[in-house]
Amino acid sequence: MMLNRRQFTMGAAALLAGTGLSMPARAEDRVKVKFATDWLPQGAHGGYYQAVADGTYEKMGLDVEIVSGGPKNDTRPLLVSGEVDFLMSGNLLLPFEDIRKGLPLKIVAAHFQKDPQMMMAHKGVYKDFADLANAPKILLGSQGMESYGRWMMKTKGFKEERVAPYNYDMKPFFEDTQLVQQGYAVSEPYEALAANVEIDSWLLADEGWNTYSCMVQTRDEVILTRPDVVQKFLDASTVGWYNYLYGDATPGIEAIVAANPDQSVGRLTWENEALRSLGIVDSGEAEKSGIGAMNAERIKAFYDLCVDAGVLEAGSVDLAAVADYSFVNKGVGLELRKA
């Protein structure tokens, strides 16, 4: 859906100072851009909604429309067909599969340095991540089972016979204190909090599952024919993320609630803090090179991890075709970070 920006304030203008963004282009001069997310509007999309709502994209001369994904709206085909210009991709396995299929797509930024996938248990039941393998039952969704589940079994001592399907209903977890299940760092923990259930949780990223997440993909022809648009979109998105995390997130939060009434200001405020405290967006390479940073060495390391775990076959992906690194690692927006 199309989100119209709200009146840009002097406070937001101050946050943008020094980023290289100019005054808003006239409406008739702005370049129309469509960006598809991978799910319904939520806090994990906050930087993009912030950049629409506070005028950051507009200042870059862009008229950005966010096209939401969801359970009945698979947005991935829209990038290949040319219906959208950019696509959010959840983890590196999806771009790897695109290359395996011969699709002319590339990652151009990684806005999450850590994958928000996690494992969770009732508080105090298990002493550490390794101890989770001793749980009598572990709930994993089908995609989780065939990705990080395989890695956990290969390297962390988890047993397939203890795995049961996760259907994204928290009731079994609430009723069984011995149960261990997958989660998303800005989703299931909030559900537990709302139900007054105390939990322990472990980010898979902190245990070695080293994929990037919330990546931006585009078509090769967009990179070749409109590199200026790619650069402007990524720079403005990066500034949007800094403003969402460290500035006044109200515009982004209100835009998400307007686009998805199932969200709430309270929940999104909690999710924003979780993104900061867990270092999902701004950690590792991003601390030096700016939000969106990525490099070939880390992509290869994750590919090697997947080959070792049996998730991918050796030699199945042309790693040189996965990403274009020329638009990131430039330190855009670093001055907006607050301690």
C-alpha atoms as a PDB file:
ATOM      1  CA  MET A   1       0.000   0.000   0.000  1.00  0.00           C
ATOM      2  CA  MET A   2       1.119   3.589  -0.479  1.00  0.00           C
ATOM      3  CA  LEU A   3       2.018   5.557   2.638  1.00  0.00           C
ATOM      4  CA  ASN A   4       1.888   9.370   2.402  1.00  0.00           C
ATOM      5  CA  ARG A   5       4.511  11.109   4.495  1.00  0.00           C
ATOM      6  CA  ARG A   6       3.420  13.291   7.404  1.00  0.00           C
ATOM      7  CA  GLN A   7       4.504  16.918   7.764  1.00  0.00           C
ATOM      8  CA  PHE A   8       8.269  16.848   8.199  1.00  0.00           C
ATOM      9  CA  THR A   9       9.354  18.502  11.457  1.00  0.00           C
ATOM     10  CA  MET A  10      12.373  20.588  12.335  1.00  0.00           C
ATOM     11  CA  GLY A  11      13.426  17.875  14.769  1.00  0.00           C
ATOM     12  CA  ALA A  12      13.535  15.295  12.010  1.00  0.00           C
ATOM     13  CA  ALA A  13      15.399  17.746   9.812  1.00  0.00           C
ATOM     14  CA  ALA A  14      18.042  18.057  12.506  1.00  0.00           C
ATOM     15  CA  LEU A  15      18.450  14.298  12.610  1.00  0.00           C
ATOM     16  CA  LEU A  16      19.060  14.268   8.870  1.00  0.00           C
ATOM     17  CA  ALA A  17      21.693  16.973   8.994  1.00  0.00           C
ATOM     18  CA  GLY A  18      25.031  15.771   7.724  1.00  0.00           C
ATOM     19  CA  THR A  19      23.682  12.724   5.912  1.00  0.00           C
ATOM     20  CA  GLY A  20      23.907  14.235   2.445  1.00  0.00           C
ATOM     21  CA  LEU A  21      20.140  14.367   2.053  1.00  0.00           C
ATOM     22  CA  SER A  22      18.794  17.433   0.301  1.00  0.00           C
ATOM     23  CA  MET A  23      15.543  19.323   0.571  1.00  0.00           C
ATOM     24  CA  PRO A  24      12.492  17.421  -0.709  1.00  0.00           C
ATOM     25  CA  ALA A  25      12.212  17.190  -4.475  1.00  0.00           C
ATOM     26  CA  ARG A  26       9.036  18.432  -6.105  1.00  0.00           C
ATOM     27  CA  ALA A  27       6.392  15.722  -6.310  1.00  0.00           C
ATOM     28  CA  GLU A  28       6.527  15.649 -10.096  1.00  0.00           C
ATOM     29  CA  ASP A  29      10.316  15.161  -9.996  1.00  0.00           C
ATOM     30  CA  ARG A  30      10.422  12.292  -7.497  1.00  0.00           C
ATOM     31  CA  VAL A  31      11.267   8.818  -8.804  1.00  0.00           C
ATOM     32  CA  LYS A  32       8.604   6.221  -8.029  1.00  0.00           C
ATOM     33  CA  VAL A  33       9.994   3.147  -6.277  1.00  0.00           C
ATOM     34  CA  LYS A  34       8.171   0.033  -5.084  1.00  0.00           C
ATOM     35  CA  PHE A  35       9.649  -1.955  -2.201  1.00  0.00           C
ATOM     36  CA  ALA A  36       8.088  -5.277  -1.189  1.00  0.00           C
ATOM     37  CA  THR A  37       8.428  -6.577   2.361  1.00  0.00           C
ATOM     38  CA  ASP A  38       8.273 -10.245   3.300  1.00  0.00           C
ATOM     39  CA  TRP A  39       5.386 -10.057   5.777  1.00  0.00           C
ATOM     40  CA  LEU A  40       2.647  -7.880   7.231  1.00  0.00           C
ATOM     41  CA  PRO A  41       3.774  -4.467   8.558  1.00  0.00           C
ATOM     42  CA  GLN A  42       5.671  -4.946  11.825  1.00  0.00           C
ATOM     43  CA  GLY A  43       8.480  -3.536  13.915  1.00  0.00           C
ATOM     44  CA  ALA A  44      11.096  -5.473  11.967  1.00  0.00           C
ATOM     45  CA  HIS A  45      10.205  -3.219   9.008  1.00  0.00           C
ATOM     46  CA  GLY A  46      10.453  -0.073  11.083  1.00  0.00           C
ATOM     47  CA  GLY A  47      13.289   1.714   9.303  1.00  0.00           C
ATOM     48  CA  TYR A  48      11.492   1.659   5.969  1.00  0.00           C
ATOM     49  CA  TYR A  49       8.200   2.937   7.358  1.00  0.00           C
ATOM     50  CA  GLN A  50      10.142   5.597   9.245  1.00  0.00           C
ATOM     51  CA  ALA A  51      11.837   6.760   6.034  1.00  0.00           C
ATOM     52  CA  VAL A  52       8.451   7.114   4.339  1.00  0.00           C
ATOM     53  CA  ALA A  53       6.719   8.798   7.264  1.00  0.00           C
ATOM     54  CA  ASP A  54       9.420  11.310   8.228  1.00  0.00           C
ATOM     55  CA  GLY A  55      10.220  12.340   4.662  1.00  0.00           C
ATOM     56  CA  THR A  56      13.663  10.746   4.342  1.00  0.00           C
ATOM     57  CA  TYR A  57      12.897   9.025   1.042  1.00  0.00           C
ATOM     58  CA  GLU A  58      11.306  12.201  -0.230  1.00  0.00           C
ATOM     59  CA  LYS A  59      14.435  14.172   0.592  1.00  0.00           C
ATOM     60  CA  MET A  60      16.338  11.737  -1.611  1.00  0.00           C
ATOM     61  CA  GLY A  61      13.979  12.465  -4.491  1.00  0.00           C
ATOM     62  CA  LEU A  62      12.096   9.187  -4.144  1.00  0.00           C
ATOM     63  CA  ASP A  63       8.387   8.405  -3.968  1.00  0.00           C
ATOM     64  CA  VAL A  64       8.459   5.033  -2.189  1.00  0.00           C
ATOM     65  CA  GLU A  65       5.523   2.652  -2.001  1.00  0.00           C
ATOM     66  CA  ILE A  66       5.810  -0.224   0.473  1.00  0.00           C
ATOM     67  CA  VAL A  67       4.072  -3.384  -0.733  1.00  0.00           C
ATOM     68  CA  SER A  68       3.350  -5.658   2.217  1.00  0.00           C
ATOM     69  CA  GLY A  69       3.780  -9.410   2.174  1.00  0.00           C
ATOM     70  CA  GLY A  70       1.734 -11.753   4.311  1.00  0.00           C
ATOM     71  CA  PRO A  71       0.307 -15.252   4.660  1.00  0.00           C
ATOM     72  CA  LYS A  72      -1.706 -14.861   1.456  1.00  0.00           C
ATOM     73  CA  ASN A  73       0.653 -12.532  -0.386  1.00  0.00           C
ATOM     74  CA  ASP A  74       4.011 -13.969  -1.450  1.00  0.00           C
ATOM     75  CA  THR A  75       5.907 -10.930  -2.666  1.00  0.00           C
ATOM     76  CA  ARG A  76       9.045 -12.711  -3.910  1.00  0.00           C
ATOM     77  CA  PRO A  77       7.713 -13.259  -7.465  1.00  0.00           C
ATOM     78  CA  LEU A  78       7.012  -9.526  -7.759  1.00  0.00           C
ATOM     79  CA  LEU A  79      10.710  -8.692  -7.995  1.00  0.00           C
ATOM     80  CA  VAL A  80      11.398 -11.153 -10.798  1.00  0.00           C
ATOM     81  CA  SER A  81       8.348  -9.966 -12.744  1.00  0.00           C
ATOM     82  CA  GLY A  82       9.368  -6.314 -12.442  1.00  0.00           C
ATOM     83  CA  GLU A  83       6.288  -5.304 -10.448  1.00  0.00           C
ATOM     84  CA  VAL A  84       8.523  -4.030  -7.635  1.00  0.00           C
ATOM     85  CA  ASP A  85      12.027  -2.580  -7.687  1.00  0.00           C
ATOM     86  CA  PHE A  86      13.331  -3.917  -4.384  1.00  0.00           C
ATOM     87  CA  LEU A  87      12.480  -6.882  -2.155  1.00  0.00           C
ATOM     88  CA  MET A  88      13.117  -7.673   1.496  1.00  0.00           C
ATOM     89  CA  SER A  89      14.670 -11.108   1.951  1.00  0.00           C
ATOM     90  CA  GLY A  90      14.658 -12.898   5.291  1.00  0.00           C
ATOM     91  CA  ASN A  91      17.989 -14.740   5.275  1.00  0.00           C
ATOM     92  CA  LEU A  92      20.755 -15.782   2.905  1.00  0.00           C
ATOM     93  CA  LEU A  93      19.171 -19.112   2.013  1.00  0.00           C
ATOM     94  CA  LEU A  94      16.587 -17.326  -0.133  1.00  0.00           C
ATOM     95  CA  PRO A  95      19.123 -15.423  -2.285  1.00  0.00           C
ATOM     96  CA  PHE A  96      21.185 -18.620  -2.523  1.00  0.00           C
ATOM     97  CA  GLU A  97      18.130 -20.384  -3.939  1.00  0.00           C
ATOM     98  CA  ASP A  98      17.555 -17.538  -6.407  1.00  0.00           C
ATOM     99  CA  ILE A  99      21.080 -18.001  -7.763  1.00  0.00           C
ATOM    100  CA  ARG A 100      20.604 -21.774  -7.939  1.00  0.00           C
ATOM    101  CA  LYS A 101      17.544 -21.114 -10.104  1.00  0.00           C
ATOM    102  CA  GLY A 102      19.475 -18.749 -12.354  1.00  0.00           C
ATOM    103  CA  LEU A 103      17.440 -15.681 -11.393  1.00  0.00           C
ATOM    104  CA  PRO A 104      19.143 -12.340 -12.184  1.00  0.00           C
ATOM    105  CA  LEU A 105      18.892 -10.961  -8.645  1.00  0.00           C
ATOM    106  CA  LYS A 106      21.419  -9.621  -6.157  1.00  0.00           C
ATOM    107  CA  ILE A 107      21.524  -8.533  -2.540  1.00  0.00           C
ATOM    108  CA  VAL A 108      22.501  -4.874  -2.269  1.00  0.00           C
ATOM    109  CA  ALA A 109      22.254  -4.349   1.518  1.00  0.00           C
ATOM    110  CA  ALA A 110      21.844  -6.315   4.751  1.00  0.00           C
ATOM    111  CA  HIS A 111      19.916  -4.233   7.263  1.00  0.00           C
ATOM    112  CA  PHE A 112      20.016  -6.899   9.991  1.00  0.00           C
ATOM    113  CA  GLN A 113      23.469  -8.017  11.082  1.00  0.00           C
ATOM    114  CA  LYS A 114      21.837 -10.739  13.183  1.00  0.00           C
ATOM    115  CA  ASP A 115      19.047 -13.104  12.205  1.00  0.00           C
ATOM    116  CA  PRO A 116      16.235 -12.630  14.774  1.00  0.00           C
ATOM    117  CA  GLN A 117      15.565 -16.383  14.845  1.00  0.00           C
ATOM    118  CA  MET A 118      15.916 -17.755  18.364  1.00  0.00           C
ATOM    119  CA  MET A 119      15.124 -20.666  20.655  1.00  0.00           C
ATOM    120  CA  MET A 120      13.161 -20.126  23.844  1.00  0.00           C
ATOM    121  CA  ALA A 121      12.295 -22.011  27.016  1.00  0.00           C
ATOM    122  CA  HIS A 122      10.609 -21.359  30.340  1.00  0.00           C
ATOM    123  CA  LYS A 123      12.850 -19.342  32.624  1.00  0.00           C
ATOM    124  CA  GLY A 124      15.361 -21.363  34.618  1.00  0.00           C
ATOM    125  CA  VAL A 125      14.481 -24.774  33.171  1.00  0.00           C
ATOM    126  CA  TYR A 126      17.590 -25.097  30.989  1.00  0.00           C
ATOM    127  CA  LYS A 127      20.979 -23.727  31.990  1.00  0.00           C
ATOM    128  CA  ASP A 128      22.277 -22.731  28.555  1.00  0.00           C
ATOM    129  CA  PHE A 129      21.800 -23.202  24.810  1.00  0.00           C
ATOM    130  CA  ALA A 130      23.545 -26.583  24.793  1.00  0.00           C
ATOM    131  CA  ASP A 131      21.179 -27.832  27.498  1.00  0.00           C
ATOM    132  CA  LEU A 132      18.175 -27.201  25.225  1.00  0.00           C
ATOM    133  CA  ALA A 133      19.147 -30.344  23.310  1.00  0.00           C
ATOM    134  CA  ASN A 134      18.042 -32.337  26.378  1.00  0.00           C
ATOM    135  CA  ALA A 135      14.456 -31.080  26.180  1.00  0.00           C
ATOM    136  CA  PRO A 136      11.932 -33.900  25.670  1.00  0.00           C
ATOM    137  CA  LYS A 137      10.208 -31.957  22.889  1.00  0.00           C
ATOM    138  CA  ILE A 138      11.459 -29.165  20.635  1.00  0.00           C
ATOM    139  CA  LEU A 139       9.047 -27.321  18.341  1.00  0.00           C
ATOM    140  CA  LEU A 140      10.364 -26.231  14.934  1.00  0.00           C
ATOM    141  CA  GLY A 141       8.497 -25.071  11.842  1.00  0.00           C
ATOM    142  CA  SER A 142       9.189 -26.835   8.558  1.00  0.00           C
ATOM    143  CA  GLN A 143      11.484 -24.090   7.250  1.00  0.00           C
ATOM    144  CA  GLY A 144      13.342 -23.917  10.529  1.00  0.00           C
ATOM    145  CA  MET A 145      13.768 -27.676  10.585  1.00  0.00           C
ATOM    146  CA  GLU A 146      15.363 -27.710   7.127  1.00  0.00           C
ATOM    147  CA  SER A 147      17.688 -24.780   7.822  1.00  0.00           C
ATOM    148  CA  TYR A 148      18.940 -23.902  11.296  1.00  0.00           C
ATOM    149  CA  GLY A 149      17.406 -27.129  12.618  1.00  0.00           C
ATOM    150  CA  ARG A 150      19.846 -29.146  10.487  1.00  0.00           C
ATOM    151  CA  TRP A 151      22.692 -26.967  11.708  1.00  0.00           C
ATOM    152  CA  MET A 152      21.638 -27.442  15.353  1.00  0.00           C
ATOM    153  CA  MET A 153      21.554 -31.205  14.868  1.00  0.00           C
ATOM    154  CA  LYS A 154      24.926 -31.284  13.136  1.00  0.00           C
ATOM    155  CA  THR A 155      26.819 -28.998  15.489  1.00  0.00           C
ATOM    156  CA  LYS A 156      24.844 -28.490  18.720  1.00  0.00           C
ATOM    157  CA  GLY A 157      23.723 -31.986  19.732  1.00  0.00           C
ATOM    158  CA  PHE A 158      20.006 -31.672  18.971  1.00  0.00           C
ATOM    159  CA  LYS A 159      18.180 -34.879  17.994  1.00  0.00           C
ATOM    160  CA  GLU A 160      15.624 -35.108  15.195  1.00  0.00           C
ATOM    161  CA  GLU A 161      13.480 -37.595  17.112  1.00  0.00           C
ATOM    162  CA  ARG A 162      12.761 -34.912  19.715  1.00  0.00           C
ATOM    163  CA  VAL A 163      11.533 -32.385  17.156  1.00  0.00           C
ATOM    164  CA  ALA A 164       7.802 -31.805  16.660  1.00  0.00           C
ATOM    165  CA  PRO A 165       6.077 -29.361  14.272  1.00  0.00           C
ATOM    166  CA  TYR A 166       5.573 -25.781  15.406  1.00  0.00           C
ATOM    167  CA  ASN A 167       2.276 -24.345  14.164  1.00  0.00           C
ATOM    168  CA  TYR A 168       2.859 -20.803  15.488  1.00  0.00           C
ATOM    169  CA  ASP A 169       0.425 -21.275  18.369  1.00  0.00           C
ATOM    170  CA  MET A 170       1.987 -20.405  21.738  1.00  0.00           C
ATOM    171  CA  LYS A 171      -0.569 -22.327  23.814  1.00  0.00           C
ATOM    172  CA  PRO A 172       1.427 -25.608  23.951  1.00  0.00           C
ATOM    173  CA  PHE A 173       4.478 -23.688  25.166  1.00  0.00           C
ATOM    174  CA  PHE A 174       2.507 -21.897  27.855  1.00  0.00           C
ATOM    175  CA  GLU A 175       1.095 -25.215  29.105  1.00  0.00           C
ATOM    176  CA  ASP A 176       4.314 -27.282  29.139  1.00  0.00           C
ATOM    177  CA  THR A 177       7.232 -25.904  31.136  1.00  0.00           C
ATOM    178  CA  GLN A 178       9.645 -28.483  29.649  1.00  0.00           C
ATOM    179  CA  LEU A 179       8.927 -27.480  26.061  1.00  0.00           C
ATOM    180  CA  VAL A 180      11.517 -25.711  23.906  1.00  0.00           C
ATOM    181  CA  GLN A 181      10.486 -23.921  20.732  1.00  0.00           C
ATOM    182  CA  GLN A 182      11.697 -21.631  17.986  1.00  0.00           C
ATOM    183  CA  GLY A 183      10.828 -17.964  18.046  1.00  0.00           C
ATOM    184  CA  TYR A 184      11.442 -14.635  16.382  1.00  0.00           C
ATOM    185  CA  ALA A 185      13.125 -12.153  18.681  1.00  0.00           C
ATOM    186  CA  VAL A 186      10.510  -9.444  18.118  1.00  0.00           C
ATOM    187  CA  SER A 187       7.466 -11.726  18.151  1.00  0.00           C
ATOM    188  CA  GLU A 188       7.119 -14.771  20.449  1.00  0.00           C
ATOM    189  CA  PRO A 189       8.935 -13.169  23.412  1.00  0.00           C
ATOM    190  CA  TYR A 190       6.362 -10.386  23.370  1.00  0.00           C
ATOM    191  CA  GLU A 191       3.549 -12.957  23.335  1.00  0.00           C
ATOM    192  CA  ALA A 192       5.107 -14.587  26.397  1.00  0.00           C
ATOM    193  CA  LEU A 193       5.428 -11.218  28.123  1.00  0.00           C
ATOM    194  CA  ALA A 194       1.773 -10.447  27.409  1.00  0.00           C
ATOM    195  CA  ALA A 195       0.816 -13.823  28.918  1.00  0.00           C
ATOM    196  CA  ASN A 196       2.971 -13.206  32.023  1.00  0.00           C
ATOM    197  CA  VAL A 197       5.191 -16.184  31.181  1.00  0.00           C
ATOM    198  CA  GLU A 198       8.862 -15.660  31.985  1.00  0.00           C
ATOM    199  CA  ILE A 199      11.298 -17.071  29.452  1.00  0.00           C
ATOM    200  CA  ASP A 200      14.950 -17.562  28.643  1.00  0.00           C
ATOM    201  CA  SER A 201      15.897 -17.063  25.023  1.00  0.00           C
ATOM    202  CA  TRP A 202      18.948 -17.576  22.843  1.00  0.00           C
ATOM    203  CA  LEU A 203      19.550 -15.798  19.539  1.00  0.00           C
ATOM    204  CA  LEU A 204      20.832 -18.315  17.028  1.00  0.00           C
ATOM    205  CA  ALA A 205      23.108 -15.575  15.688  1.00  0.00           C
ATOM    206  CA  ASP A 206      24.906 -15.515  19.033  1.00  0.00           C
ATOM    207  CA  GLU A 207      25.379 -19.290  18.835  1.00  0.00           C
ATOM    208  CA  GLY A 208      26.990 -19.248  15.385  1.00  0.00           C
ATOM    209  CA  TRP A 209      24.090 -19.093  12.891  1.00  0.00           C
ATOM    210  CA  ASN A 210      25.755 -16.259  11.004  1.00  0.00           C
ATOM    211  CA  THR A 211      23.379 -15.326   8.193  1.00  0.00           C
ATOM    212  CA  TYR A 212      22.481 -11.732   7.504  1.00  0.00           C
ATOM    213  CA  SER A 213      18.770 -10.947   7.623  1.00  0.00           C
ATOM    214  CA  CYS A 214      16.355  -8.263   6.405  1.00  0.00           C
ATOM    215  CA  MET A 215      18.357  -7.948   3.200  1.00  0.00           C
ATOM    216  CA  VAL A 216      17.394  -5.852   0.190  1.00  0.00           C
ATOM    217  CA  GLN A 217      17.450  -7.561  -3.198  1.00  0.00           C
ATOM    218  CA  THR A 218      17.001  -6.071  -6.639  1.00  0.00           C
ATOM    219  CA  ARG A 219      17.332  -7.159 -10.256  1.00  0.00           C
ATOM    220  CA  ASP A 220      20.653  -7.020 -12.071  1.00  0.00           C
ATOM    221  CA  GLU A 221      19.130  -4.697 -14.671  1.00  0.00           C
ATOM    222  CA  VAL A 222      18.159  -2.185 -11.981  1.00  0.00           C
ATOM    223  CA  ILE A 223      21.760  -2.136 -10.761  1.00  0.00           C
ATOM    224  CA  LEU A 224      23.043  -1.646 -14.303  1.00  0.00           C
ATOM    225  CA  THR A 225      20.538   0.925 -15.527  1.00  0.00           C
ATOM    226  CA  ARG A 226      19.551   2.829 -12.353  1.00  0.00           C
ATOM    227  CA  PRO A 227      22.463   2.654  -9.908  1.00  0.00           C
ATOM    228  CA  ASP A 228      21.643   6.155  -8.674  1.00  0.00           C
ATOM    229  CA  VAL A 229      18.174   5.007  -7.602  1.00  0.00           C
ATOM    230  CA  VAL A 230      19.638   1.976  -5.834  1.00  0.00           C
ATOM    231  CA  GLN A 231      22.089   4.186  -3.952  1.00  0.00           C
ATOM    232  CA  LYS A 232      19.447   6.734  -2.965  1.00  0.00           C
ATOM    233  CA  PHE A 233      17.013   4.061  -1.799  1.00  0.00           C
ATOM    234  CA  LEU A 234      19.633   2.303   0.306  1.00  0.00           C
ATOM    235  CA  ASP A 235      21.072   5.494   1.791  1.00  0.00           C
ATOM    236  CA  ALA A 236      17.614   6.751   2.732  1.00  0.00           C
ATOM    237  CA  SER A 237      16.653   3.346   4.170  1.00  0.00           C
ATOM    238  CA  THR A 238      19.795   3.374   6.294  1.00  0.00           C
ATOM    239  CA  VAL A 239      18.962   6.844   7.623  1.00  0.00           C
ATOM    240  CA  GLY A 240      15.426   5.612   8.262  1.00  0.00           C
ATOM    241  CA  TRP A 241      16.797   2.793  10.401  1.00  0.00           C
ATOM    242  CA  TYR A 242      19.035   5.139  12.395  1.00  0.00           C
ATOM    243  CA  ASN A 243      16.133   7.498  13.002  1.00  0.00           C
ATOM    244  CA  TYR A 244      13.842   4.627  13.975  1.00  0.00           C
ATOM    245  CA  LEU A 245      16.345   3.171  16.447  1.00  0.00           C
ATOM    246  CA  TYR A 246      17.931   6.319  17.870  1.00  0.00           C
ATOM    247  CA  GLY A 247      15.633   9.218  17.042  1.00  0.00           C
ATOM    248  CA  ASP A 248      11.910   9.777  17.433  1.00  0.00           C
ATOM    249  CA  ALA A 249      10.370   6.522  16.179  1.00  0.00           C
ATOM    250  CA  THR A 250       6.830   7.878  16.474  1.00  0.00           C
ATOM    251  CA  PRO A 251       6.369   8.512  12.715  1.00  0.00           C
ATOM    252  CA  GLY A 252       7.443   4.977  11.827  1.00  0.00           C
ATOM    253  CA  ILE A 253       5.433   3.352  14.598  1.00  0.00           C
ATOM    254  CA  GLU A 254       2.279   5.262  13.684  1.00  0.00           C
ATOM    255  CA  ALA A 255       2.756   4.404  10.005  1.00  0.00           C
ATOM    256  CA  ILE A 256       3.019   0.691  10.837  1.00  0.00           C
ATOM    257  CA  VAL A 257      -0.124   0.814  12.995  1.00  0.00           C
ATOM    258  CA  ALA A 258      -1.968   2.617  10.189  1.00  0.00           C
ATOM    259  CA  ALA A 259      -0.899  -0.060   7.707  1.00  0.00           C
ATOM    260  CA  ASN A 260      -1.575  -2.965  10.093  1.00  0.00           C
ATOM    261  CA  PRO A 261      -4.163  -2.269  12.816  1.00  0.00           C
ATOM    262  CA  ASP A 262      -3.283  -5.587  14.490  1.00  0.00           C
ATOM    263  CA  GLN A 263      -0.121  -3.868  15.710  1.00  0.00           C
ATOM    264  CA  SER A 264      -0.083  -1.454  18.642  1.00  0.00           C
ATOM    265  CA  VAL A 265       2.096   1.424  19.775  1.00  0.00           C
ATOM    266  CA  GLY A 266       2.998  -0.489  22.937  1.00  0.00           C
ATOM    267  CA  ARG A 267       4.080  -3.597  21.103  1.00  0.00           C
ATOM    268  CA  LEU A 268       6.061  -1.690  18.484  1.00  0.00           C
ATOM    269  CA  THR A 269       7.814   0.331  21.180  1.00  0.00           C
ATOM    270  CA  TRP A 270       8.834  -2.943  22.852  1.00  0.00           C
ATOM    271  CA  GLU A 271      10.012  -4.381  19.520  1.00  0.00           C
ATOM    272  CA  ASN A 272      12.074  -1.269  18.837  1.00  0.00           C
ATOM    273  CA  GLU A 273      13.893  -1.686  22.142  1.00  0.00           C
ATOM    274  CA  ALA A 274      14.469  -5.387  21.399  1.00  0.00           C
ATOM    275  CA  LEU A 275      16.036  -4.542  18.033  1.00  0.00           C
ATOM    276  CA  ARG A 276      18.435  -2.161  19.802  1.00  0.00           C
ATOM    277  CA  SER A 277      19.281  -4.238  22.861  1.00  0.00           C
ATOM    278  CA  LEU A 278      19.931  -7.440  20.902  1.00  0.00           C
ATOM    279  CA  GLY A 279      22.037  -5.708  18.260  1.00  0.00           C
ATOM    280  CA  ILE A 280      19.852  -7.048  15.464  1.00  0.00           C
ATOM    281  CA  VAL A 281      20.372  -4.022  13.206  1.00  0.00           C
ATOM    282  CA  ASP A 282      23.361  -2.117  14.514  1.00  0.00           C
ATOM    283  CA  SER A 283      26.193  -4.424  15.569  1.00  0.00           C
ATOM    284  CA  GLY A 284      29.273  -6.054  14.094  1.00  0.00           C
ATOM    285  CA  GLU A 285      30.178  -4.637  10.694  1.00  0.00           C
ATOM    286  CA  ALA A 286      27.439  -2.003  10.936  1.00  0.00           C
ATOM    287  CA  GLU A 287      29.156  -0.314  13.872  1.00  0.00           C
ATOM    288  CA  LYS A 288      32.072   0.659  11.637  1.00  0.00           C
ATOM    289  CA  SER A 289      30.619   0.673   8.115  1.00  0.00           C
ATOM    290  CA  GLY A 290      27.028   1.730   8.760  1.00  0.00           C
ATOM    291  CA  ILE A 291      23.676  -0.039   8.891  1.00  0.00           C
ATOM    292  CA  GLY A 292      23.264  -2.242   5.833  1.00  0.00           C
ATOM    293  CA  ALA A 293      26.914  -3.341   5.818  1.00  0.00           C
ATOM    294  CA  MET A 294      27.857  -6.712   4.357  1.00  0.00           C
ATOM    295  CA  ASN A 295      30.899  -8.491   2.960  1.00  0.00           C
ATOM    296  CA  ALA A 296      31.732 -11.481   0.790  1.00  0.00           C
ATOM    297  CA  GLU A 297      33.708 -13.272   3.502  1.00  0.00           C
ATOM    298  CA  ARG A 298      30.724 -13.540   5.797  1.00  0.00           C
ATOM    299  CA  ILE A 299      28.418 -14.699   3.015  1.00  0.00           C
ATOM    300  CA  LYS A 300      30.926 -17.422   2.156  1.00  0.00           C
ATOM    301  CA  ALA A 301      31.217 -18.381   5.826  1.00  0.00           C
ATOM    302  CA  PHE A 302      27.458 -18.894   6.046  1.00  0.00           C
ATOM    303  CA  TYR A 303      27.462 -20.866   2.806  1.00  0.00           C
ATOM    304  CA  ASP A 304      30.213 -23.113   4.186  1.00  0.00           C
ATOM    305  CA  LEU A 305      28.228 -23.559   7.412  1.00  0.00           C
ATOM    306  CA  CYS A 306      25.187 -24.668   5.399  1.00  0.00           C
ATOM    307  CA  VAL A 307      27.226 -27.100   3.316  1.00  0.00           C
ATOM    308  CA  ASP A 308      28.750 -28.606   6.459  1.00  0.00           C
ATOM    309  CA  ALA A 309      25.298 -28.966   8.045  1.00  0.00           C
ATOM    310  CA  GLY A 310      23.812 -30.618   4.958  1.00  0.00           C
ATOM    311  CA  VAL A 311      21.495 -27.713   4.211  1.00  0.00           C
ATOM    312  CA  LEU A 312      23.206 -27.034   0.853  1.00  0.00           C
ATOM    313  CA  GLU A 313      25.293 -29.105  -1.531  1.00  0.00           C
ATOM    314  CA  ALA A 314      28.910 -28.122  -2.086  1.00  0.00           C
ATOM    315  CA  GLY A 315      29.342 -26.115  -5.278  1.00  0.00           C
ATOM    316  CA  SER A 316      25.610 -25.465  -5.623  1.00  0.00           C
ATOM    317  CA  VAL A 317      25.784 -21.650  -5.447  1.00  0.00           C
ATOM    318  CA  ASP A 318      27.893 -19.197  -7.444  1.00  0.00           C
ATOM    319  CA  LEU A 319      28.812 -16.951  -4.534  1.00  0.00           C
ATOM    320  CA  ALA A 320      30.121 -14.216  -6.826  1.00  0.00           C
ATOM    321  CA  ALA A 321      26.579 -13.756  -8.155  1.00  0.00           C
ATOM    322  CA  VAL A 322      24.864 -13.406  -4.770  1.00  0.00           C
ATOM    323  CA  ALA A 323      25.553  -9.774  -3.869  1.00  0.00           C
ATOM    324  CA  ASP A 324      26.752  -6.386  -5.076  1.00  0.00           C
ATOM    325  CA  TYR A 325      28.713  -4.647  -2.308  1.00  0.00           C
ATOM    326  CA  SER A 326      29.238  -1.315  -4.056  1.00  0.00           C
ATOM    327  CA  PHE A 327      26.261   0.471  -2.473  1.00  0.00           C
ATOM    328  CA  VAL A 328      27.042  -0.157   1.225  1.00  0.00           C
ATOM    329  CA  ASN A 329      29.955  -0.039   3.701  1.00  0.00           C
ATOM    330  CA  LYS A 330      30.234   3.747   3.238  1.00  0.00           C
ATOM    331  CA  GLY A 331      29.430   4.848   6.781  1.00  0.00           C
ATOM    332  CA  VAL A 332      26.153   6.512   5.807  1.00  0.00           C
ATOM    333  CA  GLY A 333      24.292   7.729   8.892  1.00  0.00           C
ATOM    334  CA  LEU A 334      26.939   6.825  11.472  1.00  0.00           C
ATOM    335  CA  GLU A 335      26.660  10.303  12.966  1.00  0.00           C
ATOM    336  CA  LEU A 336      23.008   9.578  13.820  1.00  0.00           C
ATOM    337  CA  ARG A 337      23.885   6.747  16.196  1.00  0.00           C
ATOM    338  CA  LYS A 338      23.419   7.511  19.875  1.00  0.00           C
ATOM    339  CA  ALA A 339      25.219   5.692  22.671  1.00  0.00           C
END
